[in-house]
Amino acid sequence: MTTPPFLKSGDTIAIVAPARKVTPLEIQPAVSTFESWGLHVLIPDNLFASDNQYAGTDSQRTSDLQSLLDNDDVKAICCARGGYGTVRCIDNLNFDKFNDSPKWIIGYSDITVLHSHIAKNSGVETIHATMPINFSTHDSESNASIEALRKCLFGTAPQYTVPGSPFNRPGTAHGELIGGNLSILYSLTATDSDIDTTGKVLFIEDIDEYLYHIDRMMMNLKRNHKLDDLAGMVVGGFTGMRDNEIPFGKTPEEIIYEKVKDYKYPVIFGFPAGHQPLNLPLIMGREVSITVDGQASLSFMEPMPVKGLKRFKNLLKPAAFVLIGFIALYLLYSLLLGRL
């Protein structure tokens, strides 16, 4: 995976709304916060547009996001909020320029569409983290989430330790972190944005779902063999769950545990990320190490910067030409010997 350049004072961060609509009043706390970090804030043309629930028409939302993907001055794109709508834009976006000059994409919930699509098709790291709609809540956990995002964007590789859970499965694992909102992952199955889970560490979270639907979605992952070859799993917040008049009979944790209990990989339950005040940033696509014993730790590996990666690739090019030339000469020489 490619790591976009980390931010520095004077860089530009943009706010975009690919899903539900927002107002200037809701976004202002994030603008003030980003400016306090020394960043310039770019507001695209249609950020405050409205089309029923959406932040403007599909065309307007797609146009905003495309313009930011193509803008070389923008070093990070922070999605304003989730809701629903990103999937209506994804197939009309062109990521060619983004692939050549990667930048950070930030968000969670419906923004899982971008995390998954970019992981599969672009090979660029993104950040699952709090969004501008949450910046107006000034409790200690929300503030901690915002500060953790700042550190992540400016180059600090997160290292987390969280309390144990009776559902945790012990062990250690290394792998690329993927995933996001369970409902979105479920909806992306068999599409061009569907994730490959083999050898990966899968993160899941969700909100406002019926318990039977959590079971249905986990069964979908299991029957699609997306749980078979994981390196590990991280279970975030499952908040505001619903039940029927006749109870389903299991908690979200029990439902998930039932689906993974026969596998050997470690699983962290209760990780503080998702639809909750403490929503710690997770770098999707980055190599991560997890250890689960009495407590659980999750540590991100240090990345290879984009410049270093490009320099390495540039060194490989002449070496490849020399190797090809040597092989051609060797084959020619062998052919001549065969004719003598």
C-alpha atoms as a PDB file:
ATOM      1  CA  MET A   1       0.000   0.000   0.000  1.00  0.00           C
ATOM      2  CA  THR A   2       1.111   3.562  -0.734  1.00  0.00           C
ATOM      3  CA  THR A   3       1.205   6.050   2.138  1.00  0.00           C
ATOM      4  CA  PRO A   4       0.158   9.586   1.110  1.00  0.00           C
ATOM      5  CA  PRO A   5       2.452  12.422   2.265  1.00  0.00           C
ATOM      6  CA  PHE A   6       1.831  13.434   5.855  1.00  0.00           C
ATOM      7  CA  LEU A   7       0.472  16.920   6.457  1.00  0.00           C
ATOM      8  CA  LYS A   8       2.527  19.910   7.546  1.00  0.00           C
ATOM      9  CA  SER A   9       1.667  23.473   8.486  1.00  0.00           C
ATOM     10  CA  GLY A  10       0.539  25.424   5.426  1.00  0.00           C
ATOM     11  CA  ASP A  11      -1.012  22.431   3.641  1.00  0.00           C
ATOM     12  CA  THR A  12      -4.602  22.437   2.377  1.00  0.00           C
ATOM     13  CA  ILE A  13      -7.298  20.117   3.666  1.00  0.00           C
ATOM     14  CA  ALA A  14     -10.715  19.992   1.986  1.00  0.00           C
ATOM     15  CA  ILE A  15     -14.106  19.070   3.403  1.00  0.00           C
ATOM     16  CA  VAL A  16     -16.526  17.190   1.149  1.00  0.00           C
ATOM     17  CA  ALA A  17     -19.985  15.697   1.673  1.00  0.00           C
ATOM     18  CA  PRO A  18     -20.486  12.604  -0.520  1.00  0.00           C
ATOM     19  CA  ALA A  19     -23.525  11.417   1.451  1.00  0.00           C
ATOM     20  CA  ARG A  20     -25.919  13.222   3.814  1.00  0.00           C
ATOM     21  CA  LYS A  21     -26.221  17.005   3.779  1.00  0.00           C
ATOM     22  CA  VAL A  22     -24.578  19.403   6.228  1.00  0.00           C
ATOM     23  CA  THR A  23     -24.907  23.067   7.169  1.00  0.00           C
ATOM     24  CA  PRO A  24     -22.231  25.761   7.586  1.00  0.00           C
ATOM     25  CA  LEU A  25     -22.975  25.835  11.328  1.00  0.00           C
ATOM     26  CA  GLU A  26     -22.275  22.088  11.620  1.00  0.00           C
ATOM     27  CA  ILE A  27     -18.984  22.367   9.730  1.00  0.00           C
ATOM     28  CA  GLN A  28     -17.560  25.539  11.308  1.00  0.00           C
ATOM     29  CA  PRO A  29     -16.028  23.787  14.370  1.00  0.00           C
ATOM     30  CA  ALA A  30     -13.993  21.547  12.065  1.00  0.00           C
ATOM     31  CA  VAL A  31     -12.888  24.513   9.937  1.00  0.00           C
ATOM     32  CA  SER A  32     -11.676  26.321  13.070  1.00  0.00           C
ATOM     33  CA  THR A  33      -9.916  23.194  14.325  1.00  0.00           C
ATOM     34  CA  PHE A  34      -8.132  22.532  11.030  1.00  0.00           C
ATOM     35  CA  GLU A  35      -7.018  26.157  10.876  1.00  0.00           C
ATOM     36  CA  SER A  36      -5.666  25.877  14.435  1.00  0.00           C
ATOM     37  CA  TRP A  37      -3.489  23.029  13.120  1.00  0.00           C
ATOM     38  CA  GLY A  38      -1.941  25.460  10.633  1.00  0.00           C
ATOM     39  CA  LEU A  39      -3.904  24.134   7.664  1.00  0.00           C
ATOM     40  CA  HIS A  40      -5.773  25.979   4.935  1.00  0.00           C
ATOM     41  CA  VAL A  41      -9.360  24.739   4.517  1.00  0.00           C
ATOM     42  CA  LEU A  42     -10.940  24.409   1.078  1.00  0.00           C
ATOM     43  CA  ILE A  43     -14.739  24.334   0.793  1.00  0.00           C
ATOM     44  CA  PRO A  44     -15.919  22.959  -2.584  1.00  0.00           C
ATOM     45  CA  ASP A  45     -18.775  24.532  -4.535  1.00  0.00           C
ATOM     46  CA  ASN A  46     -21.537  22.148  -3.481  1.00  0.00           C
ATOM     47  CA  LEU A  47     -20.665  21.343   0.133  1.00  0.00           C
ATOM     48  CA  PHE A  48     -23.869  22.925   1.474  1.00  0.00           C
ATOM     49  CA  ALA A  49     -26.157  21.875  -1.369  1.00  0.00           C
ATOM     50  CA  SER A  50     -29.347  20.004  -0.493  1.00  0.00           C
ATOM     51  CA  ASP A  51     -31.358  17.337  -2.293  1.00  0.00           C
ATOM     52  CA  ASN A  52     -33.712  15.714   0.214  1.00  0.00           C
ATOM     53  CA  GLN A  53     -31.326  13.828   2.551  1.00  0.00           C
ATOM     54  CA  TYR A  54     -28.328  14.224   0.278  1.00  0.00           C
ATOM     55  CA  ALA A  55     -25.720  16.979   0.159  1.00  0.00           C
ATOM     56  CA  GLY A  56     -26.873  17.882  -3.349  1.00  0.00           C
ATOM     57  CA  THR A  57     -27.574  15.699  -6.345  1.00  0.00           C
ATOM     58  CA  ASP A  58     -25.407  12.713  -7.212  1.00  0.00           C
ATOM     59  CA  SER A  59     -23.824  14.834  -9.915  1.00  0.00           C
ATOM     60  CA  GLN A  60     -23.001  17.665  -7.503  1.00  0.00           C
ATOM     61  CA  ARG A  61     -21.493  15.376  -4.878  1.00  0.00           C
ATOM     62  CA  THR A  62     -19.490  13.478  -7.478  1.00  0.00           C
ATOM     63  CA  SER A  63     -18.248  16.720  -9.029  1.00  0.00           C
ATOM     64  CA  ASP A  64     -17.053  18.042  -5.667  1.00  0.00           C
ATOM     65  CA  LEU A  65     -15.178  14.876  -4.790  1.00  0.00           C
ATOM     66  CA  GLN A  66     -13.673  14.558  -8.283  1.00  0.00           C
ATOM     67  CA  SER A  67     -12.413  18.140  -8.208  1.00  0.00           C
ATOM     68  CA  LEU A  68     -10.677  17.488  -4.881  1.00  0.00           C
ATOM     69  CA  LEU A  69      -9.154  14.194  -6.017  1.00  0.00           C
ATOM     70  CA  ASP A  70      -7.682  16.056  -9.008  1.00  0.00           C
ATOM     71  CA  ASN A  71      -6.513  19.160  -7.115  1.00  0.00           C
ATOM     72  CA  ASP A  72      -2.756  18.939  -6.506  1.00  0.00           C
ATOM     73  CA  ASP A  73      -2.959  21.631  -3.813  1.00  0.00           C
ATOM     74  CA  VAL A  74      -5.258  19.511  -1.643  1.00  0.00           C
ATOM     75  CA  LYS A  75      -3.273  17.132   0.571  1.00  0.00           C
ATOM     76  CA  ALA A  76      -6.202  15.621   2.495  1.00  0.00           C
ATOM     77  CA  ILE A  77      -9.951  15.217   1.968  1.00  0.00           C
ATOM     78  CA  CYS A  78     -12.067  14.951   5.103  1.00  0.00           C
ATOM     79  CA  CYS A  79     -15.605  13.702   4.563  1.00  0.00           C
ATOM     80  CA  ALA A  80     -18.110  15.830   6.460  1.00  0.00           C
ATOM     81  CA  ARG A  81     -20.404  13.038   7.621  1.00  0.00           C
ATOM     82  CA  GLY A  82     -21.799   9.646   6.742  1.00  0.00           C
ATOM     83  CA  GLY A  83     -25.437   8.729   6.225  1.00  0.00           C
ATOM     84  CA  TYR A  84     -26.008   7.306   2.764  1.00  0.00           C
ATOM     85  CA  GLY A  85     -24.986   8.324  -0.741  1.00  0.00           C
ATOM     86  CA  THR A  86     -21.293   7.641  -1.387  1.00  0.00           C
ATOM     87  CA  VAL A  87     -22.068   4.432  -3.267  1.00  0.00           C
ATOM     88  CA  ARG A  88     -24.162   6.477  -5.721  1.00  0.00           C
ATOM     89  CA  CYS A  89     -21.020   8.406  -6.692  1.00  0.00           C
ATOM     90  CA  ILE A  90     -18.252   5.809  -6.622  1.00  0.00           C
ATOM     91  CA  ASP A  91     -18.616   4.378 -10.138  1.00  0.00           C
ATOM     92  CA  ASN A  92     -18.475   7.855 -11.699  1.00  0.00           C
ATOM     93  CA  LEU A  93     -15.212   8.859 -10.023  1.00  0.00           C
ATOM     94  CA  ASN A  94     -11.873   8.747 -11.842  1.00  0.00           C
ATOM     95  CA  PHE A  95      -8.983   7.922  -9.507  1.00  0.00           C
ATOM     96  CA  ASP A  96      -6.163   8.200 -12.073  1.00  0.00           C
ATOM     97  CA  LYS A  97      -4.762  11.472 -10.779  1.00  0.00           C
ATOM     98  CA  PHE A  98      -5.295  10.387  -7.174  1.00  0.00           C
ATOM     99  CA  ASN A  99      -3.313   7.217  -7.874  1.00  0.00           C
ATOM    100  CA  ASP A 100      -0.429   9.271  -9.277  1.00  0.00           C
ATOM    101  CA  SER A 101      -0.498  11.797  -6.408  1.00  0.00           C
ATOM    102  CA  PRO A 102      -2.133  10.144  -3.376  1.00  0.00           C
ATOM    103  CA  LYS A 103      -3.697  12.184  -0.591  1.00  0.00           C
ATOM    104  CA  TRP A 104      -5.425  11.256   2.646  1.00  0.00           C
ATOM    105  CA  ILE A 105      -9.135  10.357   2.554  1.00  0.00           C
ATOM    106  CA  ILE A 106     -10.733  10.553   6.012  1.00  0.00           C
ATOM    107  CA  GLY A 107     -14.070   9.388   7.382  1.00  0.00           C
ATOM    108  CA  TYR A 108     -16.102   6.452   8.674  1.00  0.00           C
ATOM    109  CA  SER A 109     -19.601   4.974   8.393  1.00  0.00           C
ATOM    110  CA  ASP A 110     -20.784   5.488   4.773  1.00  0.00           C
ATOM    111  CA  ILE A 111     -17.213   6.486   3.872  1.00  0.00           C
ATOM    112  CA  THR A 112     -16.385   2.771   4.119  1.00  0.00           C
ATOM    113  CA  VAL A 113     -17.319   2.791   0.419  1.00  0.00           C
ATOM    114  CA  LEU A 114     -14.234   4.916  -0.290  1.00  0.00           C
ATOM    115  CA  HIS A 115     -11.986   2.950   2.070  1.00  0.00           C
ATOM    116  CA  SER A 116     -12.931  -0.331   0.408  1.00  0.00           C
ATOM    117  CA  HIS A 117     -12.874   0.905  -3.178  1.00  0.00           C
ATOM    118  CA  ILE A 118      -9.506   2.627  -2.784  1.00  0.00           C
ATOM    119  CA  ALA A 119      -7.978  -0.357  -0.971  1.00  0.00           C
ATOM    120  CA  LYS A 120      -9.005  -2.715  -3.751  1.00  0.00           C
ATOM    121  CA  ASN A 121      -8.395  -0.537  -6.802  1.00  0.00           C
ATOM    122  CA  SER A 122      -5.772   2.056  -5.855  1.00  0.00           C
ATOM    123  CA  GLY A 123      -3.623   0.497  -3.159  1.00  0.00           C
ATOM    124  CA  VAL A 124      -3.523   3.752  -1.170  1.00  0.00           C
ATOM    125  CA  GLU A 125      -3.891   4.064   2.597  1.00  0.00           C
ATOM    126  CA  THR A 126      -6.929   5.929   3.981  1.00  0.00           C
ATOM    127  CA  ILE A 127      -7.981   6.887   7.515  1.00  0.00           C
ATOM    128  CA  HIS A 128     -11.082   5.612   9.310  1.00  0.00           C
ATOM    129  CA  ALA A 129     -11.676   8.413  11.816  1.00  0.00           C
ATOM    130  CA  THR A 130     -13.963  11.049  13.249  1.00  0.00           C
ATOM    131  CA  MET A 131     -15.548  13.558  10.853  1.00  0.00           C
ATOM    132  CA  PRO A 132     -16.418  17.286  10.924  1.00  0.00           C
ATOM    133  CA  ILE A 133     -20.024  16.561  11.954  1.00  0.00           C
ATOM    134  CA  ASN A 134     -18.575  15.281  15.265  1.00  0.00           C
ATOM    135  CA  PHE A 135     -16.263  18.238  15.962  1.00  0.00           C
ATOM    136  CA  SER A 136     -18.928  20.300  17.718  1.00  0.00           C
ATOM    137  CA  THR A 137     -19.152  17.834  20.626  1.00  0.00           C
ATOM    138  CA  HIS A 138     -16.633  19.060  23.157  1.00  0.00           C
ATOM    139  CA  ASP A 139     -16.525  16.124  25.566  1.00  0.00           C
ATOM    140  CA  SER A 140     -13.174  14.600  26.490  1.00  0.00           C
ATOM    141  CA  GLU A 141     -13.559  11.488  24.339  1.00  0.00           C
ATOM    142  CA  SER A 142     -14.508  13.439  21.199  1.00  0.00           C
ATOM    143  CA  ASN A 143     -11.594  15.811  21.790  1.00  0.00           C
ATOM    144  CA  ALA A 144      -9.263  12.822  22.207  1.00  0.00           C
ATOM    145  CA  SER A 145     -10.509  11.421  18.888  1.00  0.00           C
ATOM    146  CA  ILE A 146      -9.812  14.730  17.118  1.00  0.00           C
ATOM    147  CA  GLU A 147      -6.338  15.045  18.632  1.00  0.00           C
ATOM    148  CA  ALA A 148      -5.535  11.452  17.662  1.00  0.00           C
ATOM    149  CA  LEU A 149      -6.565  12.271  14.082  1.00  0.00           C
ATOM    150  CA  ARG A 150      -4.242  15.290  14.060  1.00  0.00           C
ATOM    151  CA  LYS A 151      -1.292  13.167  15.176  1.00  0.00           C
ATOM    152  CA  CYS A 152      -2.101  10.536  12.571  1.00  0.00           C
ATOM    153  CA  LEU A 153      -2.316  13.056   9.720  1.00  0.00           C
ATOM    154  CA  PHE A 154       0.945  14.694  10.758  1.00  0.00           C
ATOM    155  CA  GLY A 155       2.864  11.437  10.762  1.00  0.00           C
ATOM    156  CA  THR A 156       2.525   9.611  14.091  1.00  0.00           C
ATOM    157  CA  ALA A 157       1.869   5.885  13.676  1.00  0.00           C
ATOM    158  CA  PRO A 158      -0.862   5.014  16.217  1.00  0.00           C
ATOM    159  CA  GLN A 159      -0.159   2.533  19.011  1.00  0.00           C
ATOM    160  CA  TYR A 160      -3.177   1.472  21.072  1.00  0.00           C
ATOM    161  CA  THR A 161      -3.758  -0.654  24.155  1.00  0.00           C
ATOM    162  CA  VAL A 162      -7.318  -1.409  25.234  1.00  0.00           C
ATOM    163  CA  PRO A 163      -8.853  -3.371  28.130  1.00  0.00           C
ATOM    164  CA  GLY A 164      -9.597  -7.055  27.713  1.00  0.00           C
ATOM    165  CA  SER A 165     -13.021  -8.463  26.866  1.00  0.00           C
ATOM    166  CA  PRO A 166     -14.468 -11.846  27.817  1.00  0.00           C
ATOM    167  CA  PHE A 167     -15.086 -12.396  24.104  1.00  0.00           C
ATOM    168  CA  ASN A 168     -11.481 -11.747  23.058  1.00  0.00           C
ATOM    169  CA  ARG A 169      -9.644 -14.575  21.346  1.00  0.00           C
ATOM    170  CA  PRO A 170      -5.953 -14.656  22.326  1.00  0.00           C
ATOM    171  CA  GLY A 171      -2.972 -14.641  20.019  1.00  0.00           C
ATOM    172  CA  THR A 172      -0.825 -12.406  17.848  1.00  0.00           C
ATOM    173  CA  ALA A 173      -1.237 -11.423  14.222  1.00  0.00           C
ATOM    174  CA  HIS A 174       0.246  -9.193  11.542  1.00  0.00           C
ATOM    175  CA  GLY A 175      -1.517  -8.028   8.426  1.00  0.00           C
ATOM    176  CA  GLU A 176      -2.984  -5.188   6.439  1.00  0.00           C
ATOM    177  CA  LEU A 177      -5.938  -3.520   8.159  1.00  0.00           C
ATOM    178  CA  ILE A 178      -9.140  -3.410   6.114  1.00  0.00           C
ATOM    179  CA  GLY A 179     -12.859  -3.012   6.731  1.00  0.00           C
ATOM    180  CA  GLY A 180     -15.146  -0.415   8.289  1.00  0.00           C
ATOM    181  CA  ASN A 181     -18.908  -0.322   8.706  1.00  0.00           C
ATOM    182  CA  LEU A 182     -20.361  -3.832   8.577  1.00  0.00           C
ATOM    183  CA  SER A 183     -23.555  -2.793   6.757  1.00  0.00           C
ATOM    184  CA  ILE A 184     -21.518  -1.073   4.042  1.00  0.00           C
ATOM    185  CA  LEU A 185     -19.131  -4.017   3.666  1.00  0.00           C
ATOM    186  CA  TYR A 186     -22.171  -6.287   3.322  1.00  0.00           C
ATOM    187  CA  SER A 187     -23.658  -4.007   0.638  1.00  0.00           C
ATOM    188  CA  LEU A 188     -20.406  -4.015  -1.371  1.00  0.00           C
ATOM    189  CA  THR A 189     -20.233  -7.804  -1.684  1.00  0.00           C
ATOM    190  CA  ALA A 190     -19.441  -8.924  -5.261  1.00  0.00           C
ATOM    191  CA  THR A 191     -18.989  -5.357  -6.527  1.00  0.00           C
ATOM    192  CA  ASP A 192     -15.880  -3.603  -7.836  1.00  0.00           C
ATOM    193  CA  SER A 193     -15.432  -2.215  -4.307  1.00  0.00           C
ATOM    194  CA  ASP A 194     -15.537  -5.556  -2.492  1.00  0.00           C
ATOM    195  CA  ILE A 195     -12.518  -6.241  -0.278  1.00  0.00           C
ATOM    196  CA  ASP A 196     -10.126  -9.192  -0.330  1.00  0.00           C
ATOM    197  CA  THR A 197      -9.758 -10.432   3.243  1.00  0.00           C
ATOM    198  CA  THR A 198      -7.079 -13.099   2.748  1.00  0.00           C
ATOM    199  CA  GLY A 199      -4.237 -12.576   5.219  1.00  0.00           C
ATOM    200  CA  LYS A 200      -5.756  -9.289   6.415  1.00  0.00           C
ATOM    201  CA  VAL A 201      -6.898  -7.925   9.773  1.00  0.00           C
ATOM    202  CA  LEU A 202     -10.603  -7.123   9.441  1.00  0.00           C
ATOM    203  CA  PHE A 203     -12.171  -4.248  11.386  1.00  0.00           C
ATOM    204  CA  ILE A 204     -15.966  -4.014  11.728  1.00  0.00           C
ATOM    205  CA  GLU A 205     -18.392  -1.648  13.493  1.00  0.00           C
ATOM    206  CA  ASP A 206     -22.022  -0.638  13.109  1.00  0.00           C
ATOM    207  CA  ILE A 207     -24.919   1.419  14.456  1.00  0.00           C
ATOM    208  CA  ASP A 208     -28.712   1.349  14.595  1.00  0.00           C
ATOM    209  CA  GLU A 209     -29.159  -2.176  13.224  1.00  0.00           C
ATOM    210  CA  TYR A 210     -31.492  -4.946  14.268  1.00  0.00           C
ATOM    211  CA  LEU A 211     -29.676  -7.806  15.962  1.00  0.00           C
ATOM    212  CA  TYR A 212     -30.993 -10.321  13.460  1.00  0.00           C
ATOM    213  CA  HIS A 213     -29.496  -8.201  10.682  1.00  0.00           C
ATOM    214  CA  ILE A 214     -26.086  -8.279  12.390  1.00  0.00           C
ATOM    215  CA  ASP A 215     -26.416 -12.066  12.328  1.00  0.00           C
ATOM    216  CA  ARG A 216     -27.468 -12.009   8.660  1.00  0.00           C
ATOM    217  CA  MET A 217     -24.478  -9.860   7.669  1.00  0.00           C
ATOM    218  CA  MET A 218     -22.006 -11.980   9.635  1.00  0.00           C
ATOM    219  CA  MET A 219     -23.451 -15.110   8.013  1.00  0.00           C
ATOM    220  CA  ASN A 220     -22.903 -13.428   4.647  1.00  0.00           C
ATOM    221  CA  LEU A 221     -19.224 -12.847   5.468  1.00  0.00           C
ATOM    222  CA  LYS A 222     -18.864 -16.417   6.671  1.00  0.00           C
ATOM    223  CA  ARG A 223     -20.613 -17.999   3.654  1.00  0.00           C
ATOM    224  CA  ASN A 224     -18.547 -15.835   1.295  1.00  0.00           C
ATOM    225  CA  HIS A 225     -15.409 -17.229   3.008  1.00  0.00           C
ATOM    226  CA  LYS A 226     -14.323 -13.737   4.054  1.00  0.00           C
ATOM    227  CA  LEU A 227     -13.705 -14.969   7.596  1.00  0.00           C
ATOM    228  CA  ASP A 228     -11.788 -18.125   6.650  1.00  0.00           C
ATOM    229  CA  ASP A 229      -8.311 -16.774   5.962  1.00  0.00           C
ATOM    230  CA  LEU A 230      -8.100 -13.654   8.107  1.00  0.00           C
ATOM    231  CA  ALA A 231      -4.935 -12.891  10.034  1.00  0.00           C
ATOM    232  CA  GLY A 232      -7.073 -11.360  12.793  1.00  0.00           C
ATOM    233  CA  MET A 233     -10.193  -9.343  13.559  1.00  0.00           C
ATOM    234  CA  VAL A 234     -10.925  -6.099  15.420  1.00  0.00           C
ATOM    235  CA  VAL A 235     -14.503  -5.497  16.563  1.00  0.00           C
ATOM    236  CA  GLY A 236     -15.360  -1.846  17.189  1.00  0.00           C
ATOM    237  CA  GLY A 237     -18.498  -0.241  18.552  1.00  0.00           C
ATOM    238  CA  PHE A 238     -21.903  -1.766  17.869  1.00  0.00           C
ATOM    239  CA  THR A 239     -24.030   1.063  19.198  1.00  0.00           C
ATOM    240  CA  GLY A 240     -27.767   1.701  19.283  1.00  0.00           C
ATOM    241  CA  MET A 241     -28.654  -1.877  18.387  1.00  0.00           C
ATOM    242  CA  ARG A 242     -32.351  -2.719  17.975  1.00  0.00           C
ATOM    243  CA  ASP A 243     -34.359  -5.818  18.753  1.00  0.00           C
ATOM    244  CA  ASN A 244     -37.757  -7.176  17.795  1.00  0.00           C
ATOM    245  CA  GLU A 245     -40.763  -7.643  20.061  1.00  0.00           C
ATOM    246  CA  ILE A 246     -39.702 -11.288  20.269  1.00  0.00           C
ATOM    247  CA  PRO A 247     -36.022 -10.923  21.328  1.00  0.00           C
ATOM    248  CA  PHE A 248     -33.303 -12.244  19.060  1.00  0.00           C
ATOM    249  CA  GLY A 249     -31.573 -13.663  22.113  1.00  0.00           C
ATOM    250  CA  LYS A 250     -27.943 -12.667  21.513  1.00  0.00           C
ATOM    251  CA  THR A 251     -25.854  -9.525  21.889  1.00  0.00           C
ATOM    252  CA  PRO A 252     -23.769  -8.248  18.943  1.00  0.00           C
ATOM    253  CA  GLU A 253     -20.659  -9.624  20.635  1.00  0.00           C
ATOM    254  CA  GLU A 254     -22.232 -13.062  21.025  1.00  0.00           C
ATOM    255  CA  ILE A 255     -23.342 -13.036  17.386  1.00  0.00           C
ATOM    256  CA  ILE A 256     -19.857 -12.184  16.118  1.00  0.00           C
ATOM    257  CA  TYR A 257     -18.114 -14.575  18.512  1.00  0.00           C
ATOM    258  CA  GLU A 258     -20.324 -17.409  17.285  1.00  0.00           C
ATOM    259  CA  LYS A 259     -19.144 -16.798  13.707  1.00  0.00           C
ATOM    260  CA  VAL A 260     -15.397 -16.704  14.497  1.00  0.00           C
ATOM    261  CA  LYS A 261     -15.051 -19.173  17.382  1.00  0.00           C
ATOM    262  CA  ASP A 262     -13.889 -22.034  15.158  1.00  0.00           C
ATOM    263  CA  TYR A 263     -11.002 -20.056  13.654  1.00  0.00           C
ATOM    264  CA  LYS A 264      -7.534 -19.815  15.197  1.00  0.00           C
ATOM    265  CA  TYR A 265      -6.777 -16.128  14.684  1.00  0.00           C
ATOM    266  CA  PRO A 266      -6.907 -13.484  17.460  1.00  0.00           C
ATOM    267  CA  VAL A 267      -9.944 -11.241  17.825  1.00  0.00           C
ATOM    268  CA  ILE A 268     -10.183  -7.936  19.716  1.00  0.00           C
ATOM    269  CA  PHE A 269     -13.663  -7.014  20.945  1.00  0.00           C
ATOM    270  CA  GLY A 270     -14.696  -3.575  22.166  1.00  0.00           C
ATOM    271  CA  PHE A 271     -12.086  -1.546  20.286  1.00  0.00           C
ATOM    272  CA  PRO A 272     -12.949   2.191  20.628  1.00  0.00           C
ATOM    273  CA  ALA A 273     -13.730   3.046  17.017  1.00  0.00           C
ATOM    274  CA  GLY A 274     -17.000   3.615  15.204  1.00  0.00           C
ATOM    275  CA  HIS A 275     -20.188   5.514  16.007  1.00  0.00           C
ATOM    276  CA  GLN A 276     -19.188   6.582  19.500  1.00  0.00           C
ATOM    277  CA  PRO A 277     -17.516   9.574  21.176  1.00  0.00           C
ATOM    278  CA  LEU A 278     -14.119   7.854  21.392  1.00  0.00           C
ATOM    279  CA  ASN A 279     -13.489   7.027  17.749  1.00  0.00           C
ATOM    280  CA  LEU A 280      -9.766   6.392  17.415  1.00  0.00           C
ATOM    281  CA  PRO A 281      -8.229   6.712  13.940  1.00  0.00           C
ATOM    282  CA  LEU A 282      -7.353   3.545  12.062  1.00  0.00           C
ATOM    283  CA  ILE A 283      -5.115   3.624   8.985  1.00  0.00           C
ATOM    284  CA  MET A 284      -6.822   1.366   6.488  1.00  0.00           C
ATOM    285  CA  GLY A 285      -4.364  -0.471   4.263  1.00  0.00           C
ATOM    286  CA  ARG A 286      -1.448  -0.097   6.713  1.00  0.00           C
ATOM    287  CA  GLU A 287       0.326  -3.127   8.158  1.00  0.00           C
ATOM    288  CA  VAL A 288      -0.765  -3.615  11.738  1.00  0.00           C
ATOM    289  CA  SER A 289       0.285  -5.883  14.593  1.00  0.00           C
ATOM    290  CA  ILE A 290      -2.250  -7.082  17.161  1.00  0.00           C
ATOM    291  CA  THR A 291      -1.639  -8.924  20.404  1.00  0.00           C
ATOM    292  CA  VAL A 292      -4.453 -10.274  22.538  1.00  0.00           C
ATOM    293  CA  ASP A 293      -3.787 -11.643  26.027  1.00  0.00           C
ATOM    294  CA  GLY A 294      -5.098 -10.124  29.270  1.00  0.00           C
ATOM    295  CA  GLN A 295      -5.508  -6.874  27.375  1.00  0.00           C
ATOM    296  CA  ALA A 296      -5.275  -6.089  23.668  1.00  0.00           C
ATOM    297  CA  SER A 297      -2.816  -3.988  21.700  1.00  0.00           C
ATOM    298  CA  LEU A 298      -2.937  -2.713  18.136  1.00  0.00           C
ATOM    299  CA  SER A 299       0.164  -1.111  16.636  1.00  0.00           C
ATOM    300  CA  PHE A 300       0.635   0.349  13.161  1.00  0.00           C
ATOM    301  CA  MET A 301       3.900  -0.195  11.342  1.00  0.00           C
ATOM    302  CA  GLU A 302       5.969   2.770  10.196  1.00  0.00           C
ATOM    303  CA  PRO A 303       5.277   3.382   6.489  1.00  0.00           C
ATOM    304  CA  MET A 304       7.599   3.893   3.564  1.00  0.00           C
ATOM    305  CA  PRO A 305       7.036   7.543   2.517  1.00  0.00           C
ATOM    306  CA  VAL A 306       5.818   8.200  -1.015  1.00  0.00           C
ATOM    307  CA  LYS A 307       9.097   9.887  -1.999  1.00  0.00           C
ATOM    308  CA  GLY A 308      11.103   6.956  -0.694  1.00  0.00           C
ATOM    309  CA  LEU A 309       8.846   4.502  -2.497  1.00  0.00           C
ATOM    310  CA  LYS A 310       9.157   6.420  -5.772  1.00  0.00           C
ATOM    311  CA  ARG A 311      12.928   6.573  -5.366  1.00  0.00           C
ATOM    312  CA  PHE A 312      13.007   2.807  -4.822  1.00  0.00           C
ATOM    313  CA  LYS A 313      10.872   2.222  -7.921  1.00  0.00           C
ATOM    314  CA  ASN A 314      13.104   4.534  -9.951  1.00  0.00           C
ATOM    315  CA  LEU A 315      16.149   2.515  -8.902  1.00  0.00           C
ATOM    316  CA  LEU A 316      14.426  -0.671  -9.978  1.00  0.00           C
ATOM    317  CA  LYS A 317      13.829   0.541 -13.539  1.00  0.00           C
ATOM    318  CA  PRO A 318      17.483   0.646 -14.723  1.00  0.00           C
ATOM    319  CA  ALA A 319      18.203  -2.561 -12.820  1.00  0.00           C
ATOM    320  CA  ALA A 320      15.358  -4.248 -14.670  1.00  0.00           C
ATOM    321  CA  PHE A 321      16.706  -3.091 -18.057  1.00  0.00           C
ATOM    322  CA  VAL A 322      20.173  -4.439 -17.197  1.00  0.00           C
ATOM    323  CA  LEU A 323      18.695  -7.769 -16.104  1.00  0.00           C
ATOM    324  CA  ILE A 324      16.582  -8.064 -19.267  1.00  0.00           C
ATOM    325  CA  GLY A 325      19.633  -7.233 -21.394  1.00  0.00           C
ATOM    326  CA  PHE A 326      21.719  -9.851 -19.609  1.00  0.00           C
ATOM    327  CA  ILE A 327      19.019 -12.497 -20.092  1.00  0.00           C
ATOM    328  CA  ALA A 328      18.732 -11.628 -23.800  1.00  0.00           C
ATOM    329  CA  LEU A 329      22.507 -11.929 -24.299  1.00  0.00           C
ATOM    330  CA  TYR A 330      22.551 -15.214 -22.396  1.00  0.00           C
ATOM    331  CA  LEU A 331      19.757 -16.634 -24.547  1.00  0.00           C
ATOM    332  CA  LEU A 332      21.475 -15.471 -27.736  1.00  0.00           C
ATOM    333  CA  TYR A 333      24.752 -16.997 -26.597  1.00  0.00           C
ATOM    334  CA  SER A 334      23.037 -20.282 -25.737  1.00  0.00           C
ATOM    335  CA  LEU A 335      21.305 -20.300 -29.117  1.00  0.00           C
ATOM    336  CA  LEU A 336      24.609 -19.802 -30.951  1.00  0.00           C
ATOM    337  CA  LEU A 337      26.248 -22.586 -28.960  1.00  0.00           C
ATOM    338  CA  GLY A 338      23.384 -24.873 -29.844  1.00  0.00           C
ATOM    339  CA  ARG A 339      23.979 -24.270 -33.551  1.00  0.00           C
ATOM    340  CA  LEU A 340      27.755 -25.053 -33.446  1.00  0.00           C
END
